[in-house]
């Protein structure tokens, strides 16, 4: 299938694109903090399931009330695939990992998402073969991730140290997020971005809830024991992270190149690291700072051929 993209006649205004990027950059950067607070009281997959079922239900209900058509059977199938990859694989695993991984570490690992985009875009049928500079960027970014993991593992006597299993889950989440995003971009039927988002959230929420049931999370959860902080964190994730942030992300995928959309990886870690340090008192170490610079350098190198090609085309 050919990529889904907007025609020149329906291209959005520059202001709308900038606003959507701001939403993804800032709101998503803050969700790492909210997830870390939420999983302190909620089981991870149950929290993710409730988050997306509520957000998707509210959004779809509002759209139907406004007269929008429900997705077709084919669109539901595509939403199930995309929602499972993005919201179970990409988000549910992040929630699970943040039980033992600092929010700032999680954000830095996920900053390598553009590297995964480049890898999977090269592997897909008809995809672009990576240039030498792209391969170098993938290598540099991988070194940064390895340094971050090794640096965290060297301080296992620290109560704030993070687990290797959590890091591995984040790397898998990165790959699944990139795969789901590219599938959404290139292999789904063009449709209303808002109804598509609602359907994906419902499907992803259901997938997370089923995993929660299989893992036996429900019997261990007691609603009466919740405090205000995790409840506010989940509410923030529903309305700002899911409805606002994810909607903006899906909308951008339909109007911009995947590599350009993936630039959120530059800003999210900065927002997440600052909030983790300010509110949760997560440590900032020289090794962590060096790893962050290397990861972001790798991401920049990976995206350099794409930006250069775009500049030539614009001329």
Protein backbone atom coordinates (compact mmCIF):
# COMPACT_ATOMS: atom_id res chain seq x y z
CA UNK A 1 0.00 0.00 0.00
CA UNK A 2 1.12 3.55 -0.55
CA UNK A 3 1.85 5.94 2.34
CA UNK A 4 -1.06 7.88 3.69
CA UNK A 5 -0.44 11.58 3.43
CA UNK A 6 -2.34 14.78 3.06
CA UNK A 7 -2.64 16.34 -0.35
CA UNK A 8 -1.52 19.93 -0.86
CA UNK A 9 -5.14 21.07 -0.85
CA UNK A 10 -5.70 19.61 2.58
CA UNK A 11 -2.30 20.36 4.09
CA UNK A 12 -2.71 21.82 7.59
CA UNK A 13 -1.57 25.28 8.51
CA UNK A 14 1.89 25.83 9.97
CA UNK A 15 0.30 27.00 13.23
CA UNK A 16 -1.61 23.72 13.63
CA UNK A 17 1.53 21.68 13.00
CA UNK A 18 3.56 23.71 15.52
CA UNK A 19 0.82 23.41 18.14
CA UNK A 20 0.58 19.63 17.64
CA UNK A 21 4.34 19.28 18.00
CA UNK A 22 4.27 21.39 21.19
CA UNK A 23 1.60 19.11 22.65
CA UNK A 24 3.65 15.99 21.87
CA UNK A 25 6.92 17.55 23.00
CA UNK A 26 5.77 18.93 26.36
CA UNK A 27 2.81 16.83 27.46
CA UNK A 28 4.44 13.54 26.57
CA UNK A 29 7.61 14.59 28.36
CA UNK A 30 5.58 15.00 31.54
CA UNK A 31 3.82 11.63 31.23
CA UNK A 32 6.94 9.75 32.40
CA UNK A 33 6.56 11.44 35.77
CA UNK A 34 2.83 10.68 35.87
CA UNK A 35 3.43 7.00 35.01
CA UNK A 36 6.10 6.69 37.72
CA UNK A 37 3.68 8.13 40.29
CA UNK A 38 0.76 6.04 39.05
CA UNK A 39 2.51 2.65 39.12
CA UNK A 40 3.40 3.28 42.74
CA UNK A 41 -0.23 2.39 43.51
CA UNK A 42 -1.76 0.89 40.34
CA UNK A 43 -0.72 -2.41 38.71
CA UNK A 44 0.99 -1.34 35.44
CA UNK A 45 -1.11 -3.04 32.77
CA UNK A 46 -4.35 -2.40 34.66
CA UNK A 47 -3.47 1.28 34.85
CA UNK A 48 -2.65 1.42 31.13
CA UNK A 49 -5.83 -0.49 30.28
CA UNK A 50 -8.10 1.78 32.31
CA UNK A 51 -6.33 4.85 30.96
CA UNK A 52 -6.90 4.04 27.31
CA UNK A 53 -10.35 2.48 27.68
CA UNK A 54 -11.62 5.60 29.44
CA UNK A 55 -9.85 7.99 27.08
CA UNK A 56 -10.93 6.08 23.97
CA UNK A 57 -14.50 5.68 25.21
CA UNK A 58 -14.85 9.39 26.00
CA UNK A 59 -13.36 10.40 22.69
CA UNK A 60 -15.43 8.00 20.57
CA UNK A 61 -18.61 8.90 22.45
CA UNK A 62 -18.02 12.58 21.77
CA UNK A 63 -17.29 11.92 18.07
CA UNK A 64 -20.44 9.81 17.62
CA UNK A 65 -22.49 12.48 19.38
CA UNK A 66 -21.09 14.97 16.85
CA UNK A 67 -22.24 12.74 14.00
CA UNK A 68 -19.02 10.92 13.10
CA UNK A 69 -19.25 7.44 11.60
CA UNK A 70 -17.94 4.45 13.50
CA UNK A 71 -14.91 2.67 12.00
CA UNK A 72 -15.48 -0.03 9.41
CA UNK A 73 -14.57 -3.66 10.12
CA UNK A 74 -11.29 -3.17 8.25
CA UNK A 75 -10.49 -0.02 10.20
CA UNK A 76 -11.22 -1.82 13.50
CA UNK A 77 -8.78 -4.54 12.45
CA UNK A 78 -6.11 -1.96 11.65
CA UNK A 79 -6.83 -0.15 14.92
CA UNK A 80 -6.41 -3.42 16.82
CA UNK A 81 -2.98 -4.00 15.28
CA UNK A 82 -1.80 -0.43 15.73
CA UNK A 83 -3.33 -0.02 19.19
CA UNK A 84 -1.76 -3.24 20.43
CA UNK A 85 1.69 -2.36 19.11
CA UNK A 86 1.63 1.25 20.32
CA UNK A 87 -0.36 1.09 23.53
CA UNK A 88 0.32 -2.40 24.85
CA UNK A 89 3.82 -2.89 23.49
CA UNK A 90 4.86 0.75 23.48
CA UNK A 91 3.07 2.04 26.57
CA UNK A 92 2.10 -0.96 28.69
CA UNK A 93 5.70 -2.14 28.80
CA UNK A 94 6.82 1.36 29.79
CA UNK A 95 4.37 1.29 32.70
CA UNK A 96 5.71 -2.11 33.74
CA UNK A 97 9.32 -0.95 33.43
CA UNK A 98 8.78 2.22 35.45
CA UNK A 99 8.06 0.13 38.52
CA UNK A 100 11.84 -0.31 38.71
CA UNK A 101 13.21 2.33 36.33
CA UNK A 102 13.42 6.04 37.06
CA UNK A 103 11.24 8.23 34.86
CA UNK A 104 14.30 10.11 33.57
CA UNK A 105 16.06 6.86 32.61
CA UNK A 106 12.92 5.64 30.85
CA UNK A 107 12.66 8.86 28.86
CA UNK A 108 16.31 8.66 27.79
CA UNK A 109 15.97 5.06 26.62
CA UNK A 110 12.87 5.96 24.63
CA UNK A 111 14.76 8.89 23.13
CA UNK A 112 16.35 6.27 20.88
CA UNK A 113 12.99 5.77 19.11
CA UNK A 114 14.13 7.48 15.87
CA UNK A 115 16.91 4.90 15.62
CA UNK A 116 14.28 2.15 15.69
CA UNK A 117 12.26 4.09 13.11
CA UNK A 118 15.26 4.03 10.77
CA UNK A 119 15.85 0.30 11.31
CA UNK A 120 12.24 -0.75 10.75
CA UNK A 121 11.76 1.65 7.85
CA UNK A 122 14.70 -0.07 6.16
CA UNK A 123 13.32 -3.55 6.87
CA UNK A 124 9.77 -2.96 5.64
CA UNK A 125 8.88 -3.97 2.05
CA UNK A 126 9.78 -1.07 -0.21
CA UNK A 127 11.53 0.74 2.61
CA UNK A 128 14.55 2.99 2.32
CA UNK A 129 17.94 1.31 2.61
CA UNK A 130 19.97 3.08 5.30
CA UNK A 131 22.93 5.15 4.21
CA UNK A 132 26.33 4.84 5.84
CA UNK A 133 25.69 7.91 7.99
CA UNK A 134 22.44 6.35 9.23
CA UNK A 135 24.25 3.16 10.22
CA UNK A 136 26.83 5.26 12.07
CA UNK A 137 24.03 7.06 13.90
CA UNK A 138 22.45 3.77 14.93
CA UNK A 139 25.83 2.61 16.28
CA UNK A 140 26.41 5.85 18.20
CA UNK A 141 22.90 5.83 19.70
CA UNK A 142 23.30 2.20 20.74
CA UNK A 143 26.54 3.08 22.55
CA UNK A 144 24.69 5.77 24.47
CA UNK A 145 21.95 3.34 25.51
CA UNK A 146 24.57 0.79 26.61
CA UNK A 147 26.39 3.45 28.66
CA UNK A 148 23.15 4.50 30.35
CA UNK A 149 22.29 0.90 31.26
CA UNK A 150 25.79 0.07 32.50
CA UNK A 151 25.96 3.29 34.50
CA UNK A 152 22.69 2.51 36.25
CA UNK A 153 23.67 -1.10 36.92
CA UNK A 154 26.93 0.06 38.53
CA UNK A 155 24.97 1.58 41.40
CA UNK A 156 22.83 -1.33 42.54
CA UNK A 157 23.49 -0.35 46.16
CA UNK A 158 21.57 2.84 45.42
CA UNK A 159 17.84 2.57 46.32
CA UNK A 160 17.10 4.57 43.17
CA UNK A 161 19.02 2.13 40.95
CA UNK A 162 17.11 0.65 38.05
CA UNK A 163 16.71 -2.97 36.99
CA UNK A 164 18.14 -4.61 33.89
CA UNK A 165 14.76 -6.21 33.17
CA UNK A 166 13.17 -2.77 33.17
CA UNK A 167 15.73 -1.49 30.68
CA UNK A 168 15.19 -4.49 28.40
CA UNK A 169 11.43 -3.91 28.52
CA UNK A 170 11.97 -0.29 27.50
CA UNK A 171 14.07 -1.34 24.51
CA UNK A 172 11.36 -3.76 23.39
CA UNK A 173 8.78 -1.01 23.91
CA UNK A 174 10.85 1.29 21.68
CA UNK A 175 10.87 -1.26 18.87
CA UNK A 176 7.15 -1.98 19.12
CA UNK A 177 6.33 1.74 19.20
CA UNK A 178 8.36 2.36 16.05
CA UNK A 179 6.81 -0.66 14.32
CA UNK A 180 3.29 0.42 15.22
CA UNK A 181 3.92 3.99 14.08
CA UNK A 182 5.26 2.88 10.70
CA UNK A 183 2.38 0.44 10.26
CA UNK A 184 -0.03 3.30 10.97
CA UNK A 185 1.78 5.56 8.53
CA UNK A 186 2.14 3.22 5.58
CA UNK A 187 -0.30 0.33 5.85
CA UNK A 188 -3.61 1.60 7.17
CA UNK A 189 -6.66 2.96 5.38
CA UNK A 190 -6.96 6.76 5.38
CA UNK A 191 -9.66 7.80 7.83
CA UNK A 192 -10.58 10.48 10.33
CA UNK A 193 -7.52 10.86 12.60
CA UNK A 194 -9.75 11.45 15.61
CA UNK A 195 -11.95 8.37 15.18
CA UNK A 196 -8.83 6.36 14.31
CA UNK A 197 -7.20 7.53 17.54
CA UNK A 198 -10.26 6.66 19.62
CA UNK A 199 -10.44 3.17 18.07
CA UNK A 200 -6.73 2.58 18.67
CA UNK A 201 -7.06 3.63 22.31
CA UNK A 202 -10.03 1.32 22.85
CA UNK A 203 -8.19 -1.60 21.25
CA UNK A 204 -4.96 -0.84 23.09
CA UNK A 205 -6.83 -0.42 26.37
CA UNK A 206 -8.54 -3.77 25.88
CA UNK A 207 -5.19 -5.44 25.08
CA UNK A 208 -3.62 -4.02 28.25
CA UNK A 209 -6.63 -5.08 30.33
CA UNK A 210 -6.43 -8.65 28.99
CA UNK A 211 -2.72 -8.82 29.84
CA UNK A 212 -3.57 -7.48 33.30
CA UNK A 213 -6.11 -10.29 33.77
CA UNK A 214 -3.65 -12.95 32.61
CA UNK A 215 -0.98 -11.60 34.99
CA UNK A 216 -3.42 -11.66 37.91
CA UNK A 217 -3.14 -7.94 38.68
CA UNK A 218 -6.78 -7.41 39.61
CA UNK A 219 -6.89 -9.44 42.88
CA UNK A 220 -3.89 -7.50 44.21
CA UNK A 221 -5.42 -4.09 43.54
CA UNK A 222 -7.51 -2.37 46.22
CA UNK A 223 -9.23 0.85 45.17
CA UNK A 224 -9.82 1.91 48.78
CA UNK A 225 -6.08 2.09 49.44
CA UNK A 226 -5.42 4.71 46.75
CA UNK A 227 -4.18 8.17 47.69
CA UNK A 228 -4.77 11.43 45.83
CA UNK A 229 -1.42 11.54 44.00
CA UNK A 230 -1.80 8.35 41.89
CA UNK A 231 -5.43 9.21 41.12
CA UNK A 232 -4.39 12.63 39.83
CA UNK A 233 -1.54 11.00 37.89
CA UNK A 234 -3.93 8.63 36.09
CA UNK A 235 -6.38 11.45 35.39
CA UNK A 236 -3.52 13.45 33.88
CA UNK A 237 -2.50 10.47 31.75
CA UNK A 238 -6.07 10.06 30.49
CA UNK A 239 -6.83 13.65 29.52
CA UNK A 240 -3.40 15.09 28.71
CA UNK A 241 -1.23 12.09 27.82
CA UNK A 242 -3.86 10.03 25.96
CA UNK A 243 -6.60 12.28 24.60
CA UNK A 244 -4.44 15.34 23.90
CA UNK A 245 -0.97 13.86 23.40
CA UNK A 246 -1.77 10.66 21.53
CA UNK A 247 -4.32 12.43 19.33
CA UNK A 248 -1.71 15.00 18.34
CA UNK A 249 0.83 12.25 17.64
CA UNK A 250 -1.51 10.27 15.36
CA UNK A 251 -2.55 13.47 13.60
CA UNK A 252 1.11 14.38 12.97
CA UNK A 253 1.80 10.92 11.53
CA UNK A 254 -0.82 11.62 8.90
CA UNK A 255 0.68 14.97 7.90
CA UNK A 256 4.44 14.75 8.46
CA UNK A 257 7.26 12.33 7.73
CA UNK A 258 7.80 9.70 10.47
CA UNK A 259 11.37 10.86 11.07
CA UNK A 260 10.16 14.41 11.64
CA UNK A 261 7.44 13.28 14.03
CA UNK A 262 10.06 11.28 15.91
CA UNK A 263 11.89 14.48 16.85
CA UNK A 264 9.79 14.47 20.04
CA UNK A 265 12.59 12.21 21.26
CA UNK A 266 14.86 15.27 21.57
CA UNK A 267 12.55 17.20 23.89
CA UNK A 268 10.73 14.54 25.93
CA UNK A 269 13.86 13.40 27.82
CA UNK A 270 14.70 16.98 28.83
CA UNK A 271 11.19 17.57 30.19
CA UNK A 272 11.08 14.17 31.90
CA UNK A 273 14.55 14.48 33.44
CA UNK A 274 13.85 17.95 34.80
CA UNK A 275 10.49 16.93 36.31
CA UNK A 276 11.93 13.69 37.73
CA UNK A 277 14.71 15.64 39.42
CA UNK A 278 12.44 18.46 40.61
CA UNK A 279 9.48 16.44 41.91
CA UNK A 280 10.70 12.88 42.53
CA UNK A 281 14.29 13.83 43.42
CA UNK A 282 15.71 11.38 40.90
CA UNK A 283 19.52 11.59 40.72
CA UNK A 284 21.40 13.26 37.88
CA UNK A 285 24.87 11.76 37.34
CA UNK A 286 27.72 12.65 34.97
CA UNK A 287 27.44 9.22 33.32
CA UNK A 288 23.74 9.79 32.75
CA UNK A 289 24.45 13.18 31.19
CA UNK A 290 27.13 11.74 28.90
CA UNK A 291 24.85 8.88 27.86
CA UNK A 292 22.07 11.35 27.09
CA UNK A 293 24.37 13.39 24.85
CA UNK A 294 25.53 10.28 22.99
CA UNK A 295 21.97 8.99 22.48
CA UNK A 296 20.76 12.34 21.17
CA UNK A 297 23.84 12.63 18.96
CA UNK A 298 23.01 9.22 17.47
CA UNK A 299 19.42 10.32 16.88
CA UNK A 300 20.62 13.51 15.18
CA UNK A 301 22.98 11.55 12.92
CA UNK A 302 20.22 9.09 11.99
CA UNK A 303 17.88 11.91 11.02
CA UNK A 304 20.49 13.98 9.19
CA UNK A 305 19.99 12.30 5.75
CA UNK A 306 16.22 12.78 6.06
CA UNK A 307 16.54 16.47 6.92
CA UNK A 308 19.10 16.99 4.14
CA UNK A 309 16.84 15.29 1.58
CA UNK A 310 13.89 17.39 2.72
CA UNK A 311 15.92 20.58 2.33
CA UNK A 312 16.97 19.61 -1.22
CA UNK A 313 13.37 18.80 -2.16
CA UNK A 314 12.18 22.14 -0.79
CA UNK A 315 14.68 23.95 -3.03
